């Protein structure tokens, strides 16, 4: 799950639907991810990335991802 390509995807993939459509995944607020954690993450790669992001945010590790976003 903590593979380098997945970390990079958090900085480069945009949310495809919902309230935060068009935002980079790393910019999703933690309460939104917690809500998905209770309701169920989307199927497939997006759900896996959102789960990874929730783990990163709850452990205060966003600084691992932000530099990758700035490279764009």
PDB file of N, CA and C in Angstrom:
ATOM      1  N   UNK A   1       0.823  -1.187   0.000  1.00  0.00           N
ATOM      2  CA  UNK A   1       0.000   0.000   0.000  1.00  0.00           C
ATOM      3  C   UNK A   1       0.874   1.260   0.000  1.00  0.00           C
ATOM      4  N   UNK A   2       1.941   1.298   0.805  1.00  0.00           N
ATOM      5  CA  UNK A   2       2.817   2.462   0.878  1.00  0.00           C
ATOM      6  C   UNK A   2       3.884   2.408  -0.212  1.00  0.00           C
ATOM      7  N   UNK A   3       3.469   2.071  -1.418  1.00  0.00           N
ATOM      8  CA  UNK A   3       4.395   2.015  -2.534  1.00  0.00           C
ATOM      9  C   UNK A   3       4.605   3.428  -3.077  1.00  0.00           C
ATOM     10  N   UNK A   4       5.815   3.729  -3.552  1.00  0.00           N
ATOM     11  CA  UNK A   4       6.103   5.095  -4.034  1.00  0.00           C
ATOM     12  C   UNK A   4       5.126   5.589  -5.095  1.00  0.00           C
ATOM     13  N   UNK A   5       4.716   4.727  -6.000  1.00  0.00           N
ATOM     14  CA  UNK A   5       3.785   5.174  -7.049  1.00  0.00           C
ATOM     15  C   UNK A   5       2.420   5.541  -6.465  1.00  0.00           C
ATOM     16  N   UNK A   6       2.011   4.881  -5.386  1.00  0.00           N
ATOM     17  CA  UNK A   6       0.736   5.235  -4.746  1.00  0.00           C
ATOM     18  C   UNK A   6       0.840   6.583  -4.028  1.00  0.00           C
ATOM     19  N   UNK A   7       1.978   6.843  -3.414  1.00  0.00           N
ATOM     20  CA  UNK A   7       2.185   8.129  -2.752  1.00  0.00           C
ATOM     21  C   UNK A   7       2.135   9.245  -3.796  1.00  0.00           C
ATOM     22  N   UNK A   8       2.774   9.010  -4.937  1.00  0.00           N
ATOM     23  CA  UNK A   8       2.764  10.012  -6.006  1.00  0.00           C
ATOM     24  C   UNK A   8       1.348  10.229  -6.556  1.00  0.00           C
ATOM     25  N   UNK A   9       0.576   9.160  -6.657  1.00  0.00           N
ATOM     26  CA  UNK A   9      -0.797   9.284  -7.160  1.00  0.00           C
ATOM     27  C   UNK A   9      -1.675  10.131  -6.246  1.00  0.00           C
ATOM     28  N   UNK A  10      -1.390  10.123  -4.949  1.00  0.00           N
ATOM     29  CA  UNK A  10      -2.145  10.975  -4.027  1.00  0.00           C
ATOM     30  C   UNK A  10      -1.947  12.450  -4.354  1.00  0.00           C
ATOM     31  N   UNK A  11      -0.775  12.776  -4.899  1.00  0.00           N
ATOM     32  CA  UNK A  11      -0.464  14.166  -5.227  1.00  0.00           C
ATOM     33  C   UNK A  11      -0.918  14.558  -6.625  1.00  0.00           C
ATOM     34  N   UNK A  12      -1.184  13.560  -7.479  1.00  0.00           N
ATOM     35  CA  UNK A  12      -1.476  13.877  -8.884  1.00  0.00           C
ATOM     36  C   UNK A  12      -2.872  13.479  -9.345  1.00  0.00           C
ATOM     37  N   UNK A  13      -3.581  12.696  -8.549  1.00  0.00           N
ATOM     38  CA  UNK A  13      -4.920  12.228  -8.926  1.00  0.00           C
ATOM     39  C   UNK A  13      -5.972  13.169  -8.355  1.00  0.00           C
ATOM     40  N   UNK A  14      -6.941  13.513  -9.174  1.00  0.00           N
ATOM     41  CA  UNK A  14      -8.026  14.385  -8.722  1.00  0.00           C
ATOM     42  C   UNK A  14      -9.257  13.554  -8.377  1.00  0.00           C
ATOM     43  N   UNK A  15      -9.995  14.035  -7.404  1.00  0.00           N
ATOM     44  CA  UNK A  15     -11.238  13.386  -6.990  1.00  0.00           C
ATOM     45  C   UNK A  15     -12.234  13.469  -8.145  1.00  0.00           C
ATOM     46  N   UNK A  16     -12.769  12.323  -8.602  1.00  0.00           N
ATOM     47  CA  UNK A  16     -13.619  12.332  -9.789  1.00  0.00           C
ATOM     48  C   UNK A  16     -15.097  12.653  -9.546  1.00  0.00           C
ATOM     49  N   UNK A  17     -15.525  12.742  -8.298  1.00  0.00           N
ATOM     50  CA  UNK A  17     -16.945  12.968  -8.029  1.00  0.00           C
ATOM     51  C   UNK A  17     -17.134  13.625  -6.669  1.00  0.00           C
ATOM     52  N   UNK A  18     -18.366  14.020  -6.407  1.00  0.00           N
ATOM     53  CA  UNK A  18     -18.755  14.490  -5.080  1.00  0.00           C
ATOM     54  C   UNK A  18     -18.412  15.934  -4.789  1.00  0.00           C
ATOM     55  N   UNK A  19     -18.540  16.262  -3.534  1.00  0.00           N
ATOM     56  CA  UNK A  19     -18.347  17.620  -3.037  1.00  0.00           C
ATOM     57  C   UNK A  19     -16.973  18.187  -3.392  1.00  0.00           C
ATOM     58  N   UNK A  20     -15.961  17.340  -3.431  1.00  0.00           N
ATOM     59  CA  UNK A  20     -14.596  17.784  -3.674  1.00  0.00           C
ATOM     60  C   UNK A  20     -14.093  17.383  -5.058  1.00  0.00           C
ATOM     61  N   UNK A  21     -15.007  17.216  -5.983  1.00  0.00           N
ATOM     62  CA  UNK A  21     -14.645  16.863  -7.358  1.00  0.00           C
ATOM     63  C   UNK A  21     -13.640  17.873  -7.905  1.00  0.00           C
ATOM     64  N   UNK A  22     -12.570  17.346  -8.512  1.00  0.00           N
ATOM     65  CA  UNK A  22     -11.560  18.203  -9.115  1.00  0.00           C
ATOM     66  C   UNK A  22     -10.394  18.548  -8.204  1.00  0.00           C
ATOM     67  N   UNK A  23     -10.503  18.256  -6.917  1.00  0.00           N
ATOM     68  CA  UNK A  23      -9.397  18.516  -5.991  1.00  0.00           C
ATOM     69  C   UNK A  23      -8.432  17.336  -6.030  1.00  0.00           C
ATOM     70  N   UNK A  24      -7.147  17.642  -5.832  1.00  0.00           N
ATOM     71  CA  UNK A  24      -6.179  16.557  -5.698  1.00  0.00           C
ATOM     72  C   UNK A  24      -6.504  15.769  -4.430  1.00  0.00           C
ATOM     73  N   UNK A  25      -6.291  14.484  -4.479  1.00  0.00           N
ATOM     74  CA  UNK A  25      -6.634  13.644  -3.325  1.00  0.00           C
ATOM     75  C   UNK A  25      -5.960  14.137  -2.047  1.00  0.00           C
ATOM     76  N   UNK A  26      -4.700  14.553  -2.146  1.00  0.00           N
ATOM     77  CA  UNK A  26      -3.990  15.004  -0.947  1.00  0.00           C
ATOM     78  C   UNK A  26      -4.688  16.199  -0.293  1.00  0.00           C
ATOM     79  N   UNK A  27      -5.475  16.933  -1.059  1.00  0.00           N
ATOM     80  CA  UNK A  27      -6.165  18.114  -0.529  1.00  0.00           C
ATOM     81  C   UNK A  27      -7.533  17.805   0.081  1.00  0.00           C
ATOM     82  N   UNK A  28      -7.946  16.542   0.049  1.00  0.00           N
ATOM     83  CA  UNK A  28      -9.229  16.182   0.667  1.00  0.00           C
ATOM     84  C   UNK A  28      -9.120  16.332   2.176  1.00  0.00           C
ATOM     85  N   UNK A  29     -10.126  16.905   2.818  1.00  0.00           N
ATOM     86  CA  UNK A  29     -10.069  17.064   4.275  1.00  0.00           C
ATOM     87  C   UNK A  29     -10.223  15.714   4.993  1.00  0.00           C
ATOM     88  N   UNK A  30      -9.549  15.616   6.099  1.00  0.00           N
ATOM     89  CA  UNK A  30      -9.577  14.377   6.874  1.00  0.00           C
ATOM     90  C   UNK A  30     -11.001  13.963   7.278  1.00  0.00           C
ATOM     91  N   UNK A  31     -11.879  14.883   7.720  1.00  0.00           N
ATOM     92  CA  UNK A  31     -13.244  14.457   8.080  1.00  0.00           C
ATOM     93  C   UNK A  31     -13.993  13.793   6.912  1.00  0.00           C
ATOM     94  N   UNK A  32     -13.725  14.245   5.705  1.00  0.00           N
ATOM     95  CA  UNK A  32     -14.340  13.633   4.508  1.00  0.00           C
ATOM     96  C   UNK A  32     -13.866  12.187   4.352  1.00  0.00           C
ATOM     97  N   UNK A  33     -12.584  11.967   4.575  1.00  0.00           N
ATOM     98  CA  UNK A  33     -12.040  10.611   4.483  1.00  0.00           C
ATOM     99  C   UNK A  33     -12.558   9.724   5.609  1.00  0.00           C
ATOM    100  N   UNK A  34     -12.689  10.292   6.795  1.00  0.00           N
ATOM    101  CA  UNK A  34     -13.242   9.539   7.929  1.00  0.00           C
ATOM    102  C   UNK A  34     -14.674   9.122   7.621  1.00  0.00           C
ATOM    103  N   UNK A  35     -15.440  10.030   7.021  1.00  0.00           N
ATOM    104  CA  UNK A  35     -16.818   9.707   6.639  1.00  0.00           C
ATOM    105  C   UNK A  35     -16.838   8.524   5.682  1.00  0.00           C
ATOM    106  N   UNK A  36     -15.973   8.553   4.665  1.00  0.00           N
ATOM    107  CA  UNK A  36     -15.888   7.418   3.742  1.00  0.00           C
ATOM    108  C   UNK A  36     -15.480   6.153   4.479  1.00  0.00           C
ATOM    109  N   UNK A  37     -14.600   6.293   5.468  1.00  0.00           N
ATOM    110  CA  UNK A  37     -14.189   5.131   6.253  1.00  0.00           C
ATOM    111  C   UNK A  37     -15.368   4.466   6.946  1.00  0.00           C
ATOM    112  N   UNK A  38     -16.323   5.269   7.376  1.00  0.00           N
ATOM    113  CA  UNK A  38     -17.519   4.721   8.027  1.00  0.00           C
ATOM    114  C   UNK A  38     -18.524   4.180   7.017  1.00  0.00           C
ATOM    115  N   UNK A  39     -18.675   4.879   5.895  1.00  0.00           N
ATOM    116  CA  UNK A  39     -19.676   4.526   4.894  1.00  0.00           C
ATOM    117  C   UNK A  39     -19.186   3.468   3.906  1.00  0.00           C
ATOM    118  N   UNK A  40     -17.872   3.426   3.721  1.00  0.00           N
ATOM    119  CA  UNK A  40     -17.279   2.518   2.746  1.00  0.00           C
ATOM    120  C   UNK A  40     -16.602   3.303   1.634  1.00  0.00           C
ATOM    121  N   UNK A  41     -15.356   2.987   1.392  1.00  0.00           N
ATOM    122  CA  UNK A  41     -14.609   3.649   0.326  1.00  0.00           C
ATOM    123  C   UNK A  41     -15.075   3.125  -1.025  1.00  0.00           C
ATOM    124  N   UNK A  42     -14.888   3.921  -2.084  1.00  0.00           N
ATOM    125  CA  UNK A  42     -15.235   3.444  -3.428  1.00  0.00           C
ATOM    126  C   UNK A  42     -14.435   2.187  -3.770  1.00  0.00           C
ATOM    127  N   UNK A  43     -14.958   1.407  -4.677  1.00  0.00           N
ATOM    128  CA  UNK A  43     -14.274   0.198  -5.133  1.00  0.00           C
ATOM    129  C   UNK A  43     -13.060   0.574  -5.983  1.00  0.00           C
ATOM    130  N   UNK A  44     -12.113  -0.307  -6.043  1.00  0.00           N
ATOM    131  CA  UNK A  44     -10.991  -0.148  -6.952  1.00  0.00           C
ATOM    132  C   UNK A  44      -9.869   0.722  -6.426  1.00  0.00           C
ATOM    133  N   UNK A  45      -9.073   1.221  -7.369  1.00  0.00           N
ATOM    134  CA  UNK A  45      -7.862   1.972  -7.047  1.00  0.00           C
ATOM    135  C   UNK A  45      -8.166   3.248  -6.276  1.00  0.00           C
ATOM    136  N   UNK A  46      -9.241   3.950  -6.645  1.00  0.00           N
ATOM    137  CA  UNK A  46      -9.585   5.182  -5.938  1.00  0.00           C
ATOM    138  C   UNK A  46      -9.813   4.903  -4.455  1.00  0.00           C
ATOM    139  N   UNK A  47     -10.562   3.881  -4.142  1.00  0.00           N
ATOM    140  CA  UNK A  47     -10.812   3.533  -2.751  1.00  0.00           C
ATOM    141  C   UNK A  47      -9.539   3.169  -2.009  1.00  0.00           C
ATOM    142  N   UNK A  48      -8.645   2.446  -2.673  1.00  0.00           N
ATOM    143  CA  UNK A  48      -7.362   2.089  -2.065  1.00  0.00           C
ATOM    144  C   UNK A  48      -6.538   3.342  -1.766  1.00  0.00           C
ATOM    145  N   UNK A  49      -6.528   4.282  -2.713  1.00  0.00           N
ATOM    146  CA  UNK A  49      -5.777   5.514  -2.506  1.00  0.00           C
ATOM    147  C   UNK A  49      -6.378   6.348  -1.380  1.00  0.00           C
ATOM    148  N   UNK A  50      -7.700   6.401  -1.309  1.00  0.00           N
ATOM    149  CA  UNK A  50      -8.356   7.164  -0.248  1.00  0.00           C
ATOM    150  C   UNK A  50      -8.089   6.548   1.118  1.00  0.00           C
ATOM    151  N   UNK A  51      -8.070   5.237   1.201  1.00  0.00           N
ATOM    152  CA  UNK A  51      -7.744   4.559   2.454  1.00  0.00           C
ATOM    153  C   UNK A  51      -6.303   4.862   2.856  1.00  0.00           C
ATOM    154  N   UNK A  52      -5.398   4.804   1.906  1.00  0.00           N
ATOM    155  CA  UNK A  52      -4.000   5.151   2.170  1.00  0.00           C
ATOM    156  C   UNK A  52      -3.900   6.593   2.655  1.00  0.00           C
ATOM    157  N   UNK A  53      -4.614   7.482   2.006  1.00  0.00           N
ATOM    158  CA  UNK A  53      -4.582   8.891   2.398  1.00  0.00           C
ATOM    159  C   UNK A  53      -5.116   9.090   3.810  1.00  0.00           C
ATOM    160  N   UNK A  54      -6.155   8.377   4.165  1.00  0.00           N
ATOM    161  CA  UNK A  54      -6.677   8.470   5.526  1.00  0.00           C
ATOM    162  C   UNK A  54      -5.604   8.060   6.529  1.00  0.00           C
ATOM    163  N   UNK A  55      -4.896   6.989   6.248  1.00  0.00           N
ATOM    164  CA  UNK A  55      -3.809   6.544   7.133  1.00  0.00           C
ATOM    165  C   UNK A  55      -2.723   7.614   7.228  1.00  0.00           C
ATOM    166  N   UNK A  56      -2.374   8.191   6.104  1.00  0.00           N
ATOM    167  CA  UNK A  56      -1.338   9.225   6.085  1.00  0.00           C
ATOM    168  C   UNK A  56      -1.773  10.435   6.890  1.00  0.00           C
ATOM    169  N   UNK A  57      -3.002  10.879   6.684  1.00  0.00           N
ATOM    170  CA  UNK A  57      -3.481  12.078   7.381  1.00  0.00           C
ATOM    171  C   UNK A  57      -3.655  11.837   8.873  1.00  0.00           C
ATOM    172  N   UNK A  58      -4.174  10.692   9.271  1.00  0.00           N
ATOM    173  CA  UNK A  58      -4.383  10.445  10.700  1.00  0.00           C
ATOM    174  C   UNK A  58      -3.059  10.294  11.442  1.00  0.00           C
ATOM    175  N   UNK A  59      -1.993   9.983  10.717  1.00  0.00           N
ATOM    176  CA  UNK A  59      -0.679   9.848  11.339  1.00  0.00           C
ATOM    177  C   UNK A  59       0.211  11.064  11.100  1.00  0.00           C
ATOM    178  N   UNK A  60      -0.354  12.119  10.521  1.00  0.00           N
ATOM    179  CA  UNK A  60       0.379  13.359  10.339  1.00  0.00           C
ATOM    180  C   UNK A  60       1.536  13.269   9.356  1.00  0.00           C
ATOM    181  N   UNK A  61       1.372  12.454   8.310  1.00  0.00           N
ATOM    182  CA  UNK A  61       2.464  12.233   7.354  1.00  0.00           C
ATOM    183  C   UNK A  61       2.259  12.926   6.014  1.00  0.00           C
ATOM    184  N   UNK A  62       1.394  13.939   5.961  1.00  0.00           N
ATOM    185  CA  UNK A  62       1.113  14.629   4.701  1.00  0.00           C
ATOM    186  C   UNK A  62       2.374  15.216   4.070  1.00  0.00           C
ATOM    187  N   UNK A  63       3.349  15.552   4.892  1.00  0.00           N
ATOM    188  CA  UNK A  63       4.584  16.149   4.372  1.00  0.00           C
ATOM    189  C   UNK A  63       5.327  15.218   3.424  1.00  0.00           C
ATOM    190  N   UNK A  64       4.990  13.938   3.443  1.00  0.00           N
ATOM    191  CA  UNK A  64       5.578  13.001   2.478  1.00  0.00           C
ATOM    192  C   UNK A  64       5.028  13.228   1.077  1.00  0.00           C
ATOM    193  N   UNK A  65       3.819  13.742   0.991  1.00  0.00           N
ATOM    194  CA  UNK A  65       3.127  13.864  -0.291  1.00  0.00           C
ATOM    195  C   UNK A  65       3.218  15.262  -0.874  1.00  0.00           C
ATOM    196  N   UNK A  66       3.169  16.300  -0.056  1.00  0.00           N
ATOM    197  CA  UNK A  66       3.131  17.683  -0.558  1.00  0.00           C
ATOM    198  C   UNK A  66       4.274  18.021  -1.509  1.00  0.00           C
ATOM    199  N   UNK A  67       5.513  17.593  -1.264  1.00  0.00           N
ATOM    200  CA  UNK A  67       6.586  17.911  -2.219  1.00  0.00           C
ATOM    201  C   UNK A  67       6.328  17.343  -3.610  1.00  0.00           C
ATOM    202  N   UNK A  68       5.654  16.223  -3.687  1.00  0.00           N
ATOM    203  CA  UNK A  68       5.338  15.620  -4.984  1.00  0.00           C
ATOM    204  C   UNK A  68       4.304  16.450  -5.735  1.00  0.00           C
ATOM    205  N   UNK A  69       3.400  17.061  -4.997  1.00  0.00           N
ATOM    206  CA  UNK A  69       2.380  17.919  -5.609  1.00  0.00           C
ATOM    207  C   UNK A  69       3.024  19.181  -6.184  1.00  0.00           C
ATOM    208  N   UNK A  70       4.008  19.703  -5.493  1.00  0.00           N
ATOM    209  CA  UNK A  70       4.665  20.930  -5.913  1.00  0.00           C
ATOM    210  C   UNK A  70       5.487  20.746  -7.176  1.00  0.00           C
ATOM    211  N   UNK A  71       5.867  19.520  -7.506  1.00  0.00           N
ATOM    212  CA  UNK A  71       6.658  19.244  -8.717  1.00  0.00           C
ATOM    213  C   UNK A  71       5.850  19.401  -9.994  1.00  0.00           C
ATOM    214  N   UNK A  72       4.542  19.437  -9.886  1.00  0.00           N
ATOM    215  CA  UNK A  72       3.691  19.519 -11.079  1.00  0.00           C
ATOM    216  C   UNK A  72       3.764  20.860 -11.724  1.00  0.00           C
TER     217      UNK A  72
END
